Amino acid sequence: MPAFVDPFSGAVPREMSQSELTRAIMLDIAAELEAVHLYLAHMDATSNEVAKKVLFDIAQEELVHAGEFTSLLYRLNPLAGAKAQEGFGEVQDLLGSKSPYGVTPAPDDAPADTASAAGTLTVGSLKE
C-alpha cells in the first residue's frame, strides 16, 4: 500500500551494496512514518474509543521502529547522521529551545484527545 517507489521489483538477486542498503533503510524509515500517518488518520476518522486507543498505540510503536531504522542509517552513513545533527542544531538555534511549543508531549499511553488537550500537535489538531 505505500506510495513510495520500491527500488527492487521482487527479491534482490544479490547482496546489496552499502549505498543500496543505505537507500533501502531510508525507504524503511519513510514506510514507518507513512504507517504512523495512516494509523493516526484512521484514529481521527472514528469515534470508537477502543479503536482510537489501539491505533494510537500502534502508531507510537511505528515511531519507535522509525527511530531504530534512523539509528541504523546513521551507523551505516555517518554523514547522514552528522547532517541530521546539524539540522537539529539549526532548529534549536532558530527557536531557542528544544521544545518550541513550550509543552511536554503527552505520555505514550494517553488517548489522542488528551494529547491535543495537553498542547501536543496531532493530525487532528492540525486540521482544526
N, C-alpha and C. Protein backbone atom coordinates (compact mmCIF):
# COMPACT_ATOMS: atom_id res chain seq x y z
N MET A 1 0.78 -1.19 0.00
CA MET A 1 0.00 0.00 0.00
C MET A 1 0.84 1.27 0.00
N PRO A 2 2.10 1.28 0.49
CA PRO A 2 2.86 2.53 0.47
C PRO A 2 2.99 3.08 -0.95
N ALA A 3 3.00 4.40 -1.03
CA ALA A 3 3.08 5.07 -2.32
C ALA A 3 4.52 5.30 -2.75
N PHE A 4 5.47 4.89 -1.93
CA PHE A 4 6.87 5.10 -2.27
C PHE A 4 7.32 4.11 -3.32
N VAL A 5 8.24 4.52 -4.14
CA VAL A 5 8.75 3.67 -5.21
C VAL A 5 9.63 2.58 -4.61
N ASP A 6 9.35 1.35 -4.96
CA ASP A 6 10.14 0.22 -4.49
C ASP A 6 11.40 0.12 -5.36
N PRO A 7 12.59 0.17 -4.75
CA PRO A 7 13.81 0.15 -5.55
C PRO A 7 14.08 -1.21 -6.20
N PHE A 8 13.33 -2.22 -5.80
CA PHE A 8 13.52 -3.56 -6.36
C PHE A 8 12.17 -4.11 -6.79
N SER A 9 12.15 -4.84 -7.86
CA SER A 9 10.89 -5.44 -8.31
C SER A 9 10.86 -6.91 -7.92
N GLY A 10 10.82 -7.18 -6.65
CA GLY A 10 10.84 -8.56 -6.16
C GLY A 10 12.05 -8.77 -5.29
N ALA A 11 12.39 -10.02 -5.11
CA ALA A 11 13.54 -10.36 -4.27
C ALA A 11 14.83 -9.87 -4.91
N VAL A 12 15.73 -9.39 -4.09
CA VAL A 12 17.01 -8.91 -4.59
C VAL A 12 17.88 -10.13 -4.88
N PRO A 13 18.32 -10.29 -6.15
CA PRO A 13 19.05 -11.50 -6.54
C PRO A 13 20.49 -11.52 -6.09
N ARG A 14 20.92 -10.47 -5.37
CA ARG A 14 22.31 -10.39 -4.94
C ARG A 14 22.37 -9.59 -3.65
N GLU A 15 23.53 -9.61 -3.03
CA GLU A 15 23.72 -8.80 -1.83
C GLU A 15 23.76 -7.32 -2.23
N MET A 16 23.11 -6.49 -1.44
CA MET A 16 23.09 -5.06 -1.72
C MET A 16 24.44 -4.43 -1.41
N SER A 17 24.77 -3.42 -2.17
CA SER A 17 25.96 -2.63 -1.86
C SER A 17 25.65 -1.77 -0.64
N GLN A 18 26.67 -1.17 -0.07
CA GLN A 18 26.48 -0.28 1.08
C GLN A 18 25.54 0.87 0.71
N SER A 19 25.72 1.42 -0.47
CA SER A 19 24.88 2.52 -0.93
C SER A 19 23.42 2.06 -1.08
N GLU A 20 23.21 0.89 -1.65
CA GLU A 20 21.85 0.37 -1.82
C GLU A 20 21.21 0.07 -0.47
N LEU A 21 22.00 -0.48 0.46
CA LEU A 21 21.47 -0.76 1.79
C LEU A 21 21.06 0.54 2.49
N THR A 22 21.88 1.56 2.36
CA THR A 22 21.55 2.85 2.96
C THR A 22 20.24 3.39 2.40
N ARG A 23 20.07 3.33 1.09
CA ARG A 23 18.82 3.81 0.48
C ARG A 23 17.64 2.93 0.89
N ALA A 24 17.85 1.63 1.04
CA ALA A 24 16.78 0.74 1.47
C ALA A 24 16.32 1.10 2.89
N ILE A 25 17.27 1.43 3.77
CA ILE A 25 16.93 1.83 5.14
C ILE A 25 16.17 3.16 5.11
N MET A 26 16.55 4.07 4.23
CA MET A 26 15.79 5.32 4.09
C MET A 26 14.35 5.03 3.68
N LEU A 27 14.17 4.10 2.78
CA LEU A 27 12.83 3.71 2.37
C LEU A 27 12.06 3.09 3.53
N ASP A 28 12.75 2.29 4.34
CA ASP A 28 12.11 1.69 5.52
C ASP A 28 11.64 2.77 6.50
N ILE A 29 12.46 3.80 6.69
CA ILE A 29 12.07 4.91 7.57
C ILE A 29 10.82 5.59 7.03
N ALA A 30 10.83 5.86 5.74
CA ALA A 30 9.68 6.52 5.12
C ALA A 30 8.42 5.66 5.26
N ALA A 31 8.55 4.36 5.12
CA ALA A 31 7.39 3.47 5.24
C ALA A 31 6.85 3.48 6.67
N GLU A 32 7.72 3.52 7.66
CA GLU A 32 7.27 3.59 9.06
C GLU A 32 6.52 4.90 9.31
N LEU A 33 7.04 6.00 8.80
CA LEU A 33 6.37 7.29 9.00
C LEU A 33 5.05 7.34 8.24
N GLU A 34 5.00 6.72 7.08
CA GLU A 34 3.74 6.66 6.35
C GLU A 34 2.71 5.84 7.14
N ALA A 35 3.15 4.77 7.79
CA ALA A 35 2.24 3.97 8.61
C ALA A 35 1.71 4.79 9.78
N VAL A 36 2.57 5.59 10.41
CA VAL A 36 2.12 6.46 11.51
C VAL A 36 1.03 7.39 11.00
N HIS A 37 1.27 8.01 9.88
CA HIS A 37 0.29 8.92 9.30
C HIS A 37 -1.04 8.21 9.05
N LEU A 38 -0.97 7.04 8.47
CA LEU A 38 -2.18 6.27 8.15
C LEU A 38 -2.95 5.91 9.42
N TYR A 39 -2.26 5.41 10.44
CA TYR A 39 -2.95 4.98 11.67
C TYR A 39 -3.56 6.17 12.40
N LEU A 40 -2.85 7.30 12.44
CA LEU A 40 -3.41 8.47 13.10
C LEU A 40 -4.58 9.04 12.32
N ALA A 41 -4.52 8.98 11.00
CA ALA A 41 -5.66 9.43 10.19
C ALA A 41 -6.88 8.56 10.46
N HIS A 42 -6.67 7.26 10.57
CA HIS A 42 -7.79 6.36 10.88
C HIS A 42 -8.32 6.64 12.28
N MET A 43 -7.42 6.91 13.21
CA MET A 43 -7.83 7.23 14.58
C MET A 43 -8.69 8.50 14.58
N ASP A 44 -8.26 9.50 13.83
CA ASP A 44 -9.01 10.76 13.78
C ASP A 44 -10.37 10.60 13.10
N ALA A 45 -10.50 9.57 12.28
CA ALA A 45 -11.72 9.41 11.49
C ALA A 45 -12.77 8.53 12.17
N THR A 46 -12.53 8.16 13.43
CA THR A 46 -13.51 7.33 14.13
C THR A 46 -13.81 7.90 15.51
N SER A 47 -14.99 7.59 16.01
CA SER A 47 -15.33 7.97 17.38
C SER A 47 -15.25 6.76 18.30
N ASN A 48 -14.88 5.60 17.76
CA ASN A 48 -14.77 4.37 18.54
C ASN A 48 -13.53 4.47 19.43
N GLU A 49 -13.73 4.59 20.74
CA GLU A 49 -12.62 4.80 21.68
C GLU A 49 -11.67 3.61 21.74
N VAL A 50 -12.19 2.40 21.60
CA VAL A 50 -11.32 1.22 21.60
C VAL A 50 -10.38 1.26 20.40
N ALA A 51 -10.94 1.54 19.23
CA ALA A 51 -10.13 1.62 18.01
C ALA A 51 -9.11 2.76 18.13
N LYS A 52 -9.54 3.90 18.66
CA LYS A 52 -8.62 5.03 18.82
C LYS A 52 -7.42 4.65 19.68
N LYS A 53 -7.70 3.98 20.78
CA LYS A 53 -6.63 3.60 21.70
C LYS A 53 -5.64 2.65 21.04
N VAL A 54 -6.14 1.65 20.33
CA VAL A 54 -5.27 0.67 19.67
C VAL A 54 -4.48 1.33 18.54
N LEU A 55 -5.15 2.14 17.72
CA LEU A 55 -4.47 2.80 16.61
C LEU A 55 -3.38 3.75 17.12
N PHE A 56 -3.66 4.46 18.20
CA PHE A 56 -2.66 5.36 18.78
C PHE A 56 -1.45 4.57 19.27
N ASP A 57 -1.70 3.46 19.94
CA ASP A 57 -0.61 2.62 20.45
C ASP A 57 0.25 2.09 19.31
N ILE A 58 -0.39 1.61 18.26
CA ILE A 58 0.36 1.07 17.12
C ILE A 58 1.16 2.18 16.45
N ALA A 59 0.58 3.36 16.31
CA ALA A 59 1.30 4.49 15.71
C ALA A 59 2.56 4.81 16.50
N GLN A 60 2.45 4.76 17.84
CA GLN A 60 3.62 5.03 18.68
C GLN A 60 4.70 3.97 18.48
N GLU A 61 4.29 2.72 18.31
CA GLU A 61 5.25 1.64 18.04
C GLU A 61 5.97 1.88 16.71
N GLU A 62 5.25 2.37 15.72
CA GLU A 62 5.87 2.65 14.41
C GLU A 62 6.91 3.76 14.54
N LEU A 63 6.67 4.73 15.42
CA LEU A 63 7.66 5.78 15.65
C LEU A 63 8.93 5.20 16.26
N VAL A 64 8.77 4.20 17.13
CA VAL A 64 9.94 3.51 17.69
C VAL A 64 10.71 2.82 16.56
N HIS A 65 9.99 2.16 15.67
CA HIS A 65 10.64 1.50 14.53
C HIS A 65 11.39 2.52 13.68
N ALA A 66 10.76 3.67 13.43
CA ALA A 66 11.42 4.71 12.65
C ALA A 66 12.71 5.15 13.34
N GLY A 67 12.68 5.24 14.66
CA GLY A 67 13.88 5.59 15.41
C GLY A 67 14.96 4.53 15.31
N GLU A 68 14.55 3.26 15.35
CA GLU A 68 15.53 2.18 15.20
C GLU A 68 16.18 2.21 13.82
N PHE A 69 15.37 2.39 12.79
CA PHE A 69 15.91 2.47 11.44
C PHE A 69 16.82 3.70 11.29
N THR A 70 16.42 4.82 11.90
CA THR A 70 17.23 6.03 11.81
C THR A 70 18.58 5.82 12.48
N SER A 71 18.58 5.18 13.63
CA SER A 71 19.83 4.87 14.31
C SER A 71 20.72 3.99 13.42
N LEU A 72 20.12 3.00 12.79
CA LEU A 72 20.88 2.14 11.87
C LEU A 72 21.41 2.95 10.69
N LEU A 73 20.58 3.82 10.12
CA LEU A 73 21.01 4.65 9.00
C LEU A 73 22.23 5.46 9.37
N TYR A 74 22.21 6.07 10.55
CA TYR A 74 23.33 6.92 10.97
C TYR A 74 24.59 6.11 11.22
N ARG A 75 24.45 4.84 11.59
CA ARG A 75 25.62 3.97 11.74
C ARG A 75 26.17 3.57 10.37
N LEU A 76 25.27 3.33 9.42
CA LEU A 76 25.69 2.94 8.08
C LEU A 76 26.24 4.13 7.30
N ASN A 77 25.70 5.31 7.57
CA ASN A 77 26.07 6.51 6.83
C ASN A 77 26.31 7.65 7.81
N PRO A 78 27.51 7.73 8.38
CA PRO A 78 27.80 8.77 9.38
C PRO A 78 27.56 10.18 8.87
N LEU A 79 27.73 10.43 7.57
CA LEU A 79 27.46 11.76 7.04
C LEU A 79 25.98 12.12 7.20
N ALA A 80 25.09 11.16 6.97
CA ALA A 80 23.65 11.41 7.17
C ALA A 80 23.39 11.78 8.63
N GLY A 81 24.03 11.08 9.55
CA GLY A 81 23.87 11.39 10.97
C GLY A 81 24.39 12.77 11.31
N ALA A 82 25.53 13.12 10.75
CA ALA A 82 26.11 14.44 11.01
C ALA A 82 25.21 15.54 10.46
N LYS A 83 24.65 15.32 9.27
CA LYS A 83 23.76 16.32 8.68
C LYS A 83 22.46 16.45 9.49
N ALA A 84 21.96 15.35 10.01
CA ALA A 84 20.76 15.41 10.85
C ALA A 84 21.07 16.21 12.12
N GLN A 85 22.22 15.96 12.74
CA GLN A 85 22.60 16.71 13.94
C GLN A 85 22.73 18.19 13.62
N GLU A 86 23.26 18.50 12.43
CA GLU A 86 23.37 19.89 12.00
C GLU A 86 21.97 20.53 11.92
N GLY A 87 21.02 19.78 11.37
CA GLY A 87 19.65 20.28 11.27
C GLY A 87 19.01 20.47 12.63
N PHE A 88 19.24 19.52 13.56
CA PHE A 88 18.70 19.66 14.91
C PHE A 88 19.23 20.94 15.55
N GLY A 89 20.53 21.18 15.37
CA GLY A 89 21.15 22.37 15.93
C GLY A 89 20.58 23.65 15.34
N GLU A 90 20.35 23.65 14.02
CA GLU A 90 19.79 24.83 13.37
C GLU A 90 18.40 25.17 13.91
N VAL A 91 17.57 24.14 14.11
CA VAL A 91 16.23 24.38 14.65
C VAL A 91 16.33 24.88 16.09
N GLN A 92 17.20 24.26 16.89
CA GLN A 92 17.36 24.70 18.27
C GLN A 92 17.82 26.15 18.32
N ASP A 93 18.77 26.52 17.45
CA ASP A 93 19.23 27.91 17.40
C ASP A 93 18.11 28.85 16.98
N LEU A 94 17.34 28.45 16.01
CA LEU A 94 16.25 29.28 15.50
C LEU A 94 15.16 29.49 16.54
N LEU A 95 14.82 28.44 17.26
CA LEU A 95 13.70 28.50 18.19
C LEU A 95 14.12 28.78 19.63
N GLY A 96 15.40 28.63 19.93
CA GLY A 96 15.89 28.96 21.25
C GLY A 96 15.59 27.93 22.32
N SER A 97 15.03 26.79 21.94
CA SER A 97 14.77 25.74 22.93
C SER A 97 14.57 24.43 22.21
N LYS A 98 14.56 23.34 22.98
CA LYS A 98 14.30 22.02 22.40
C LYS A 98 12.81 21.80 22.22
N SER A 99 11.98 22.56 22.89
CA SER A 99 10.53 22.40 22.81
C SER A 99 9.92 23.72 22.34
N PRO A 100 9.81 23.90 21.03
CA PRO A 100 9.37 25.19 20.51
C PRO A 100 7.97 25.61 20.94
N TYR A 101 7.14 24.67 21.35
CA TYR A 101 5.77 25.00 21.74
C TYR A 101 5.63 25.16 23.24
N GLY A 102 6.70 24.93 23.98
CA GLY A 102 6.67 25.10 25.41
C GLY A 102 5.80 24.09 26.13
N VAL A 103 5.59 22.92 25.51
CA VAL A 103 4.78 21.88 26.13
C VAL A 103 5.57 20.59 26.18
N THR A 104 5.17 19.75 27.09
CA THR A 104 5.74 18.42 27.18
C THR A 104 4.81 17.46 26.46
N PRO A 105 5.33 16.60 25.57
CA PRO A 105 4.46 15.66 24.88
C PRO A 105 3.68 14.78 25.85
N ALA A 106 2.48 14.40 25.45
CA ALA A 106 1.65 13.52 26.28
C ALA A 106 2.32 12.17 26.39
N PRO A 107 2.07 11.43 27.48
CA PRO A 107 2.64 10.09 27.62
C PRO A 107 2.15 9.18 26.50
N ASP A 108 2.96 8.14 26.23
CA ASP A 108 2.63 7.20 25.15
C ASP A 108 1.25 6.59 25.30
N ASP A 109 0.79 6.38 26.52
CA ASP A 109 -0.49 5.69 26.71
C ASP A 109 -1.67 6.65 26.80
N ALA A 110 -1.42 7.94 26.55
CA ALA A 110 -2.52 8.91 26.62
C ALA A 110 -3.41 8.78 25.40
N PRO A 111 -4.73 8.86 25.59
CA PRO A 111 -5.62 8.84 24.42
C PRO A 111 -5.36 10.07 23.56
N ALA A 112 -5.70 9.99 22.31
CA ALA A 112 -5.40 11.05 21.34
C ALA A 112 -5.94 12.40 21.76
N ASP A 113 -7.17 12.44 22.28
CA ASP A 113 -7.75 13.72 22.65
C ASP A 113 -7.00 14.34 23.84
N THR A 114 -6.40 13.52 24.69
CA THR A 114 -5.59 14.03 25.80
C THR A 114 -4.35 14.70 25.27
N ALA A 115 -3.74 14.11 24.24
CA ALA A 115 -2.55 14.70 23.64
C ALA A 115 -2.88 16.08 23.10
N SER A 116 -4.00 16.23 22.43
CA SER A 116 -4.41 17.52 21.90
C SER A 116 -4.66 18.52 23.02
N ALA A 117 -5.34 18.07 24.06
CA ALA A 117 -5.68 18.95 25.17
C ALA A 117 -4.42 19.43 25.88
N ALA A 118 -3.37 18.60 25.88
CA ALA A 118 -2.13 18.96 26.55
C ALA A 118 -1.29 19.92 25.71
N GLY A 119 -1.73 20.23 24.49
CA GLY A 119 -0.99 21.15 23.65
C GLY A 119 -0.09 20.47 22.65
N THR A 120 -0.07 19.16 22.60
CA THR A 120 0.74 18.43 21.65
C THR A 120 0.06 18.43 20.30
N LEU A 121 0.81 18.67 19.26
CA LEU A 121 0.24 18.64 17.92
C LEU A 121 -0.08 17.22 17.50
N THR A 122 -1.25 17.03 16.94
CA THR A 122 -1.66 15.75 16.40
C THR A 122 -2.20 15.98 15.00
N VAL A 123 -2.42 14.92 14.25
CA VAL A 123 -3.01 15.05 12.93
C VAL A 123 -4.34 15.79 13.04
N GLY A 124 -5.15 15.41 14.02
CA GLY A 124 -6.45 16.04 14.21
C GLY A 124 -6.35 17.52 14.55
N SER A 125 -5.39 17.88 15.41
CA SER A 125 -5.27 19.28 15.82
C SER A 125 -4.79 20.14 14.65
N LEU A 126 -4.04 19.57 13.75
CA LEU A 126 -3.55 20.33 12.60
C LEU A 126 -4.68 20.62 11.62
N LYS A 127 -5.73 19.78 11.63
CA LYS A 127 -6.85 20.01 10.73
C LYS A 127 -7.73 21.16 11.20
N GLU A 128 -7.71 21.43 12.52
CA GLU A 128 -8.63 22.43 13.10
C GLU A 128 -8.13 23.82 12.98
